[in-house]
PDB file of all heavy atoms in Angstrom:
ATOM      1  N   MET A   1      -7.160   5.774   1.436  1.00  0.00           N
ATOM      2  CA  MET A   1      -7.146   4.790   0.370  1.00  0.00           C
ATOM      3  C   MET A   1      -5.782   4.121   0.329  1.00  0.00           C
ATOM      4  O   MET A   1      -4.761   4.761   0.593  1.00  0.00           O
ATOM      5  CB  MET A   1      -7.435   5.437  -0.982  1.00  0.00           C
ATOM      6  CG  MET A   1      -8.814   6.063  -1.097  1.00  0.00           C
ATOM      7  SD  MET A   1     -10.144   4.821  -1.145  1.00  0.00           S
ATOM      8  CE  MET A   1      -9.830   4.062  -2.741  1.00  0.00           C
ATOM      9  N   GLY A   2      -5.787   2.861  -0.008  1.00  0.00           N
ATOM     10  CA  GLY A   2      -4.544   2.127  -0.060  1.00  0.00           C
ATOM     11  C   GLY A   2      -4.397   1.320  -1.327  1.00  0.00           C
ATOM     12  O   GLY A   2      -5.383   0.991  -1.992  1.00  0.00           O
ATOM     13  N   TRP A   3      -3.156   1.037  -1.661  1.00  0.00           N
ATOM     14  CA  TRP A   3      -2.823   0.099  -2.718  1.00  0.00           C
ATOM     15  C   TRP A   3      -2.110  -1.086  -2.091  1.00  0.00           C
ATOM     16  O   TRP A   3      -1.196  -0.914  -1.276  1.00  0.00           O
ATOM     17  CB  TRP A   3      -1.924   0.728  -3.780  1.00  0.00           C
ATOM     18  CG  TRP A   3      -2.625   1.647  -4.728  1.00  0.00           C
ATOM     19  CD1 TRP A   3      -2.695   2.999  -4.675  1.00  0.00           C
ATOM     20  CD2 TRP A   3      -3.363   1.257  -5.897  1.00  0.00           C
ATOM     21  NE1 TRP A   3      -3.419   3.487  -5.736  1.00  0.00           N
ATOM     22  CE2 TRP A   3      -3.842   2.443  -6.499  1.00  0.00           C
ATOM     23  CE3 TRP A   3      -3.660   0.031  -6.497  1.00  0.00           C
ATOM     24  CZ2 TRP A   3      -4.609   2.432  -7.671  1.00  0.00           C
ATOM     25  CZ3 TRP A   3      -4.419   0.027  -7.656  1.00  0.00           C
ATOM     26  CH2 TRP A   3      -4.880   1.215  -8.224  1.00  0.00           C
ATOM     27  N   PHE A   4      -2.526  -2.255  -2.482  1.00  0.00           N
ATOM     28  CA  PHE A   4      -1.911  -3.495  -2.051  1.00  0.00           C
ATOM     29  C   PHE A   4      -1.600  -4.329  -3.280  1.00  0.00           C
ATOM     30  O   PHE A   4      -2.129  -4.085  -4.365  1.00  0.00           O
ATOM     31  CB  PHE A   4      -2.844  -4.275  -1.119  1.00  0.00           C
ATOM     32  CG  PHE A   4      -3.088  -3.601   0.211  1.00  0.00           C
ATOM     33  CD1 PHE A   4      -3.928  -2.500   0.306  1.00  0.00           C
ATOM     34  CD2 PHE A   4      -2.482  -4.070   1.361  1.00  0.00           C
ATOM     35  CE1 PHE A   4      -4.159  -1.879   1.516  1.00  0.00           C
ATOM     36  CE2 PHE A   4      -2.704  -3.461   2.588  1.00  0.00           C
ATOM     37  CZ  PHE A   4      -3.539  -2.368   2.667  1.00  0.00           C
ATOM     38  N   ARG A   5      -0.754  -5.307  -3.113  1.00  0.00           N
ATOM     39  CA  ARG A   5      -0.457  -6.198  -4.223  1.00  0.00           C
ATOM     40  C   ARG A   5      -0.290  -7.617  -3.717  1.00  0.00           C
ATOM     41  O   ARG A   5       0.055  -7.851  -2.560  1.00  0.00           O
ATOM     42  CB  ARG A   5       0.797  -5.757  -4.981  1.00  0.00           C
ATOM     43  CG  ARG A   5       2.080  -5.842  -4.187  1.00  0.00           C
ATOM     44  CD  ARG A   5       3.228  -5.207  -4.963  1.00  0.00           C
ATOM     45  NE  ARG A   5       4.486  -5.287  -4.239  1.00  0.00           N
ATOM     46  CZ  ARG A   5       5.603  -4.689  -4.625  1.00  0.00           C
ATOM     47  NH1 ARG A   5       5.623  -3.972  -5.743  1.00  0.00           N
ATOM     48  NH2 ARG A   5       6.708  -4.822  -3.902  1.00  0.00           N
ATOM     49  N   GLN A   6      -0.535  -8.542  -4.606  1.00  0.00           N
ATOM     50  CA  GLN A   6      -0.393  -9.943  -4.267  1.00  0.00           C
ATOM     51  C   GLN A   6       0.266 -10.673  -5.423  1.00  0.00           C
ATOM     52  O   GLN A   6      -0.304 -10.788  -6.504  1.00  0.00           O
ATOM     53  CB  GLN A   6      -1.748 -10.577  -3.946  1.00  0.00           C
ATOM     54  CG  GLN A   6      -1.652 -11.985  -3.402  1.00  0.00           C
ATOM     55  CD  GLN A   6      -2.943 -12.443  -2.749  1.00  0.00           C
ATOM     56  OE1 GLN A   6      -4.002 -11.846  -2.957  1.00  0.00           O
ATOM     57  NE2 GLN A   6      -2.867 -13.487  -1.948  1.00  0.00           N
ATOM     58  N   ALA A   7       1.472 -11.136  -5.176  1.00  0.00           N
ATOM     59  CA  ALA A   7       2.207 -11.910  -6.164  1.00  0.00           C
ATOM     60  C   ALA A   7       1.852 -13.381  -6.024  1.00  0.00           C
ATOM     61  O   ALA A   7       1.340 -13.826  -4.992  1.00  0.00           O
ATOM     62  CB  ALA A   7       3.706 -11.707  -5.990  1.00  0.00           C
ATOM     63  N   LEU A   8       2.142 -14.137  -7.065  1.00  0.00           N
ATOM     64  CA  LEU A   8       1.864 -15.567  -7.033  1.00  0.00           C
ATOM     65  C   LEU A   8       2.558 -16.227  -5.858  1.00  0.00           C
ATOM     66  O   LEU A   8       3.759 -16.039  -5.643  1.00  0.00           O
ATOM     67  CB  LEU A   8       2.320 -16.222  -8.325  1.00  0.00           C
ATOM     68  CG  LEU A   8       1.424 -16.021  -9.546  1.00  0.00           C
ATOM     69  CD1 LEU A   8       2.094 -16.615 -10.776  1.00  0.00           C
ATOM     70  CD2 LEU A   8       0.069 -16.657  -9.324  1.00  0.00           C
ATOM     71  N   GLY A   9       1.799 -16.972  -5.095  1.00  0.00           N
ATOM     72  CA  GLY A   9       2.355 -17.701  -3.981  1.00  0.00           C
ATOM     73  C   GLY A   9       2.654 -16.875  -2.759  1.00  0.00           C
ATOM     74  O   GLY A   9       3.242 -17.390  -1.801  1.00  0.00           O
ATOM     75  N   LYS A  10       2.273 -15.606  -2.763  1.00  0.00           N
ATOM     76  CA  LYS A  10       2.559 -14.734  -1.637  1.00  0.00           C
ATOM     77  C   LYS A  10       1.278 -14.128  -1.084  1.00  0.00           C
ATOM     78  O   LYS A  10       0.248 -14.093  -1.744  1.00  0.00           O
ATOM     79  CB  LYS A  10       3.523 -13.623  -2.049  1.00  0.00           C
ATOM     80  CG  LYS A  10       4.889 -14.113  -2.477  1.00  0.00           C
ATOM     81  CD  LYS A  10       5.820 -12.951  -2.774  1.00  0.00           C
ATOM     82  CE  LYS A  10       7.203 -13.435  -3.158  1.00  0.00           C
ATOM     83  NZ  LYS A  10       8.112 -12.298  -3.438  1.00  0.00           N
ATOM     84  N   GLU A  11       1.381 -13.652   0.141  1.00  0.00           N
ATOM     85  CA  GLU A  11       0.258 -12.978   0.767  1.00  0.00           C
ATOM     86  C   GLU A  11       0.095 -11.578   0.204  1.00  0.00           C
ATOM     87  O   GLU A  11       1.031 -10.988  -0.324  1.00  0.00           O
ATOM     88  CB  GLU A  11       0.460 -12.904   2.279  1.00  0.00           C
ATOM     89  CG  GLU A  11       0.496 -14.252   2.973  1.00  0.00           C
ATOM     90  CD  GLU A  11       0.648 -14.123   4.473  1.00  0.00           C
ATOM     91  OE1 GLU A  11       0.799 -12.989   4.964  1.00  0.00           O
ATOM     92  OE2 GLU A  11       0.608 -15.154   5.150  1.00  0.00           O
ATOM     93  N   ARG A  12      -1.112 -11.075   0.331  1.00  0.00           N
ATOM     94  CA  ARG A  12      -1.351  -9.708  -0.080  1.00  0.00           C
ATOM     95  C   ARG A  12      -0.561  -8.767   0.828  1.00  0.00           C
ATOM     96  O   ARG A  12      -0.592  -8.894   2.049  1.00  0.00           O
ATOM     97  CB  ARG A  12      -2.844  -9.391  -0.010  1.00  0.00           C
ATOM     98  CG  ARG A  12      -3.219  -8.062  -0.624  1.00  0.00           C
ATOM     99  CD  ARG A  12      -4.737  -7.944  -0.794  1.00  0.00           C
ATOM    100  NE  ARG A  12      -5.259  -8.990  -1.653  1.00  0.00           N
ATOM    101  CZ  ARG A  12      -6.517  -9.047  -2.084  1.00  0.00           C
ATOM    102  NH1 ARG A  12      -7.381  -8.102  -1.731  1.00  0.00           N
ATOM    103  NH2 ARG A  12      -6.907 -10.046  -2.848  1.00  0.00           N
ATOM    104  N   GLU A  13       0.140  -7.823   0.230  1.00  0.00           N
ATOM    105  CA  GLU A  13       0.980  -6.932   1.002  1.00  0.00           C
ATOM    106  C   GLU A  13       0.669  -5.473   0.712  1.00  0.00           C
ATOM    107  O   GLU A  13       0.245  -5.107  -0.385  1.00  0.00           O
ATOM    108  CB  GLU A  13       2.465  -7.198   0.720  1.00  0.00           C
ATOM    109  CG  GLU A  13       2.915  -6.840  -0.681  1.00  0.00           C
ATOM    110  CD  GLU A  13       4.420  -6.874  -0.858  1.00  0.00           C
ATOM    111  OE1 GLU A  13       5.148  -6.880   0.154  1.00  0.00           O
ATOM    112  OE2 GLU A  13       4.878  -6.897  -2.020  1.00  0.00           O
ATOM    113  N   PHE A  14       0.920  -4.675   1.700  1.00  0.00           N
ATOM    114  CA  PHE A  14       0.740  -3.243   1.593  1.00  0.00           C
ATOM    115  C   PHE A  14       1.754  -2.645   0.637  1.00  0.00           C
ATOM    116  O   PHE A  14       2.929  -3.009   0.647  1.00  0.00           O
ATOM    117  CB  PHE A  14       0.897  -2.616   2.977  1.00  0.00           C
ATOM    118  CG  PHE A  14       1.025  -1.129   2.971  1.00  0.00           C
ATOM    119  CD1 PHE A  14      -0.080  -0.319   2.805  1.00  0.00           C
ATOM    120  CD2 PHE A  14       2.262  -0.528   3.139  1.00  0.00           C
ATOM    121  CE1 PHE A  14       0.027   1.057   2.810  1.00  0.00           C
ATOM    122  CE2 PHE A  14       2.390   0.843   3.145  1.00  0.00           C
ATOM    123  CZ  PHE A  14       1.269   1.639   2.979  1.00  0.00           C
ATOM    124  N   VAL A  15       1.304  -1.710  -0.183  1.00  0.00           N
ATOM    125  CA  VAL A  15       2.181  -0.989  -1.092  1.00  0.00           C
ATOM    126  C   VAL A  15       2.236   0.492  -0.742  1.00  0.00           C
ATOM    127  O   VAL A  15       3.315   1.058  -0.552  1.00  0.00           O
ATOM    128  CB  VAL A  15       1.740  -1.157  -2.555  1.00  0.00           C
ATOM    129  CG1 VAL A  15       2.618  -0.313  -3.474  1.00  0.00           C
ATOM    130  CG2 VAL A  15       1.784  -2.621  -2.965  1.00  0.00           C
ATOM    131  N   ALA A  16       1.078   1.127  -0.653  1.00  0.00           N
ATOM    132  CA  ALA A  16       1.031   2.559  -0.396  1.00  0.00           C
ATOM    133  C   ALA A  16      -0.337   2.937   0.140  1.00  0.00           C
ATOM    134  O   ALA A  16      -1.317   2.236  -0.090  1.00  0.00           O
ATOM    135  CB  ALA A  16       1.330   3.354  -1.669  1.00  0.00           C
ATOM    136  N   ARG A  17      -0.382   4.045   0.839  1.00  0.00           N
ATOM    137  CA  ARG A  17      -1.649   4.573   1.295  1.00  0.00           C
ATOM    138  C   ARG A  17      -1.602   6.088   1.263  1.00  0.00           C
ATOM    139  O   ARG A  17      -0.530   6.694   1.276  1.00  0.00           O
ATOM    140  CB  ARG A  17      -2.012   4.082   2.702  1.00  0.00           C
ATOM    141  CG  ARG A  17      -1.101   4.573   3.824  1.00  0.00           C
ATOM    142  CD  ARG A  17      -1.597   5.854   4.492  1.00  0.00           C
ATOM    143  NE  ARG A  17      -2.817   5.661   5.257  1.00  0.00           N
ATOM    144  CZ  ARG A  17      -3.535   6.630   5.806  1.00  0.00           C
ATOM    145  NH1 ARG A  17      -3.167   7.901   5.676  1.00  0.00           N
ATOM    146  NH2 ARG A  17      -4.629   6.338   6.495  1.00  0.00           N
ATOM    147  N   ILE A  18      -2.776   6.679   1.237  1.00  0.00           N
ATOM    148  CA  ILE A  18      -2.894   8.122   1.254  1.00  0.00           C
ATOM    149  C   ILE A  18      -4.069   8.493   2.137  1.00  0.00           C
ATOM    150  O   ILE A  18      -5.110   7.838   2.109  1.00  0.00           O
ATOM    151  CB  ILE A  18      -3.055   8.688  -0.177  1.00  0.00           C
ATOM    152  CG1 ILE A  18      -3.025  10.210  -0.177  1.00  0.00           C
ATOM    153  CG2 ILE A  18      -4.335   8.159  -0.833  1.00  0.00           C
ATOM    154  CD1 ILE A  18      -2.861  10.803  -1.576  1.00  0.00           C
ATOM    155  N   GLY A  19      -3.889   9.530   2.933  1.00  0.00           N
ATOM    156  CA  GLY A  19      -4.931   9.945   3.848  1.00  0.00           C
ATOM    157  C   GLY A  19      -6.145  10.493   3.140  1.00  0.00           C
ATOM    158  O   GLY A  19      -6.113  10.827   1.949  1.00  0.00           O
ATOM    159  N   TRP A  20      -7.200  10.605   3.876  1.00  0.00           N
ATOM    160  CA  TRP A  20      -8.470  11.034   3.291  1.00  0.00           C
ATOM    161  C   TRP A  20      -8.394  12.421   2.665  1.00  0.00           C
ATOM    162  O   TRP A  20      -9.099  12.712   1.693  1.00  0.00           O
ATOM    163  CB  TRP A  20      -9.587  10.981   4.339  1.00  0.00           C
ATOM    164  CG  TRP A  20      -9.454  12.004   5.438  1.00  0.00           C
ATOM    165  CD1 TRP A  20      -8.773  11.861   6.613  1.00  0.00           C
ATOM    166  CD2 TRP A  20     -10.022  13.309   5.451  1.00  0.00           C
ATOM    167  NE1 TRP A  20      -8.878  13.010   7.364  1.00  0.00           N
ATOM    168  CE2 TRP A  20      -9.641  13.912   6.672  1.00  0.00           C
ATOM    169  CE3 TRP A  20     -10.816  14.035   4.560  1.00  0.00           C
ATOM    170  CZ2 TRP A  20     -10.030  15.211   7.017  1.00  0.00           C
ATOM    171  CZ3 TRP A  20     -11.206  15.323   4.902  1.00  0.00           C
ATOM    172  CH2 TRP A  20     -10.813  15.892   6.116  1.00  0.00           C
ATOM    173  N   SER A  21      -7.553  13.284   3.207  1.00  0.00           N
ATOM    174  CA  SER A  21      -7.430  14.641   2.689  1.00  0.00           C
ATOM    175  C   SER A  21      -6.299  14.783   1.671  1.00  0.00           C
ATOM    176  O   SER A  21      -6.035  15.886   1.197  1.00  0.00           O
ATOM    177  CB  SER A  21      -7.216  15.620   3.834  1.00  0.00           C
ATOM    178  OG  SER A  21      -6.008  15.354   4.526  1.00  0.00           O
ATOM    179  N   GLY A  22      -5.631  13.701   1.355  1.00  0.00           N
ATOM    180  CA  GLY A  22      -4.574  13.723   0.365  1.00  0.00           C
ATOM    181  C   GLY A  22      -3.169  13.732   0.925  1.00  0.00           C
ATOM    182  O   GLY A  22      -2.206  13.603   0.169  1.00  0.00           O
ATOM    183  N   GLY A  23      -3.045  13.892   2.227  1.00  0.00           N
ATOM    184  CA  GLY A  23      -1.746  13.851   2.852  1.00  0.00           C
ATOM    185  C   GLY A  23      -1.501  12.513   3.510  1.00  0.00           C
ATOM    186  O   GLY A  23      -2.147  11.510   3.189  1.00  0.00           O
ATOM    187  N   ASN A  24      -0.552  12.509   4.428  1.00  0.00           N
ATOM    188  CA  ASN A  24      -0.265  11.315   5.215  1.00  0.00           C
ATOM    189  C   ASN A  24      -0.035  10.096   4.326  1.00  0.00           C
ATOM    190  O   ASN A  24      -0.654   9.043   4.507  1.00  0.00           O
ATOM    191  CB  ASN A  24      -1.401  11.048   6.197  1.00  0.00           C
ATOM    192  CG  ASN A  24      -0.976  10.183   7.369  1.00  0.00           C
ATOM    193  OD1 ASN A  24       0.215   9.983   7.615  1.00  0.00           O
ATOM    194  ND2 ASN A  24      -1.943   9.665   8.102  1.00  0.00           N
ATOM    195  N   THR A  25       0.864  10.248   3.369  1.00  0.00           N
ATOM    196  CA  THR A  25       1.188   9.129   2.488  1.00  0.00           C
ATOM    197  C   THR A  25       2.228   8.228   3.137  1.00  0.00           C
ATOM    198  O   THR A  25       3.034   8.662   3.961  1.00  0.00           O
ATOM    199  CB  THR A  25       1.713   9.615   1.133  1.00  0.00           C
ATOM    200  OG1 THR A  25       2.858  10.451   1.332  1.00  0.00           O
ATOM    201  CG2 THR A  25       0.641  10.405   0.399  1.00  0.00           C
ATOM    202  N   ALA A  26       2.198   6.981   2.753  1.00  0.00           N
ATOM    203  CA  ALA A  26       3.150   6.008   3.266  1.00  0.00           C
ATOM    204  C   ALA A  26       3.372   4.937   2.215  1.00  0.00           C
ATOM    205  O   ALA A  26       2.484   4.648   1.411  1.00  0.00           O
ATOM    206  CB  ALA A  26       2.647   5.385   4.566  1.00  0.00           C
ATOM    207  N   TYR A  27       4.563   4.340   2.242  1.00  0.00           N
ATOM    208  CA  TYR A  27       4.934   3.337   1.265  1.00  0.00           C
ATOM    209  C   TYR A  27       5.686   2.204   1.931  1.00  0.00           C
ATOM    210  O   TYR A  27       6.399   2.407   2.923  1.00  0.00           O
ATOM    211  CB  TYR A  27       5.839   3.933   0.179  1.00  0.00           C
ATOM    212  CG  TYR A  27       5.238   5.092  -0.559  1.00  0.00           C
ATOM    213  CD1 TYR A  27       5.379   6.390  -0.082  1.00  0.00           C
ATOM    214  CD2 TYR A  27       4.525   4.894  -1.736  1.00  0.00           C
ATOM    215  CE1 TYR A  27       4.824   7.465  -0.754  1.00  0.00           C
ATOM    216  CE2 TYR A  27       3.967   5.964  -2.419  1.00  0.00           C
ATOM    217  CZ  TYR A  27       4.115   7.248  -1.925  1.00  0.00           C
ATOM    218  OH  TYR A  27       3.562   8.307  -2.599  1.00  0.00           O
ATOM    219  N   THR A  28       5.554   1.042   1.372  1.00  0.00           N
ATOM    220  CA  THR A  28       6.396  -0.047   1.817  1.00  0.00           C
ATOM    221  C   THR A  28       7.814   0.208   1.323  1.00  0.00           C
ATOM    222  O   THR A  28       8.026   0.850   0.291  1.00  0.00           O
ATOM    223  CB  THR A  28       5.854  -1.397   1.305  1.00  0.00           C
ATOM    224  OG1 THR A  28       6.526  -2.465   1.976  1.00  0.00           O
ATOM    225  CG2 THR A  28       6.051  -1.539  -0.187  1.00  0.00           C
ATOM    226  N   ASP A  29       8.789  -0.275   2.069  1.00  0.00           N
ATOM    227  CA  ASP A  29      10.181   0.052   1.781  1.00  0.00           C
ATOM    228  C   ASP A  29      10.602  -0.299   0.358  1.00  0.00           C
ATOM    229  O   ASP A  29      11.389   0.424  -0.261  1.00  0.00           O
ATOM    230  CB  ASP A  29      11.102  -0.659   2.773  1.00  0.00           C
ATOM    231  CG  ASP A  29      11.064  -0.056   4.153  1.00  0.00           C
ATOM    232  OD1 ASP A  29      10.571   1.077   4.302  1.00  0.00           O
ATOM    233  OD2 ASP A  29      11.539  -0.719   5.096  1.00  0.00           O
ATOM    234  N   SER A  30      10.108  -1.380  -0.162  1.00  0.00           N
ATOM    235  CA  SER A  30      10.561  -1.862  -1.456  1.00  0.00           C
ATOM    236  C   SER A  30      10.155  -0.968  -2.627  1.00  0.00           C
ATOM    237  O   SER A  30      10.713  -1.094  -3.716  1.00  0.00           O
ATOM    238  CB  SER A  30      10.058  -3.285  -1.710  1.00  0.00           C
ATOM    239  OG  SER A  30       8.644  -3.332  -1.754  1.00  0.00           O
TER     240      SER A  30
END
């Protein structure tokens, strides 16, 4: 599962994700 966000005037960007079993998390640097 992932979280993405889209600000006004910007493309949709990756924010965070988590693996199917709850591990393997990742985040955008910001």
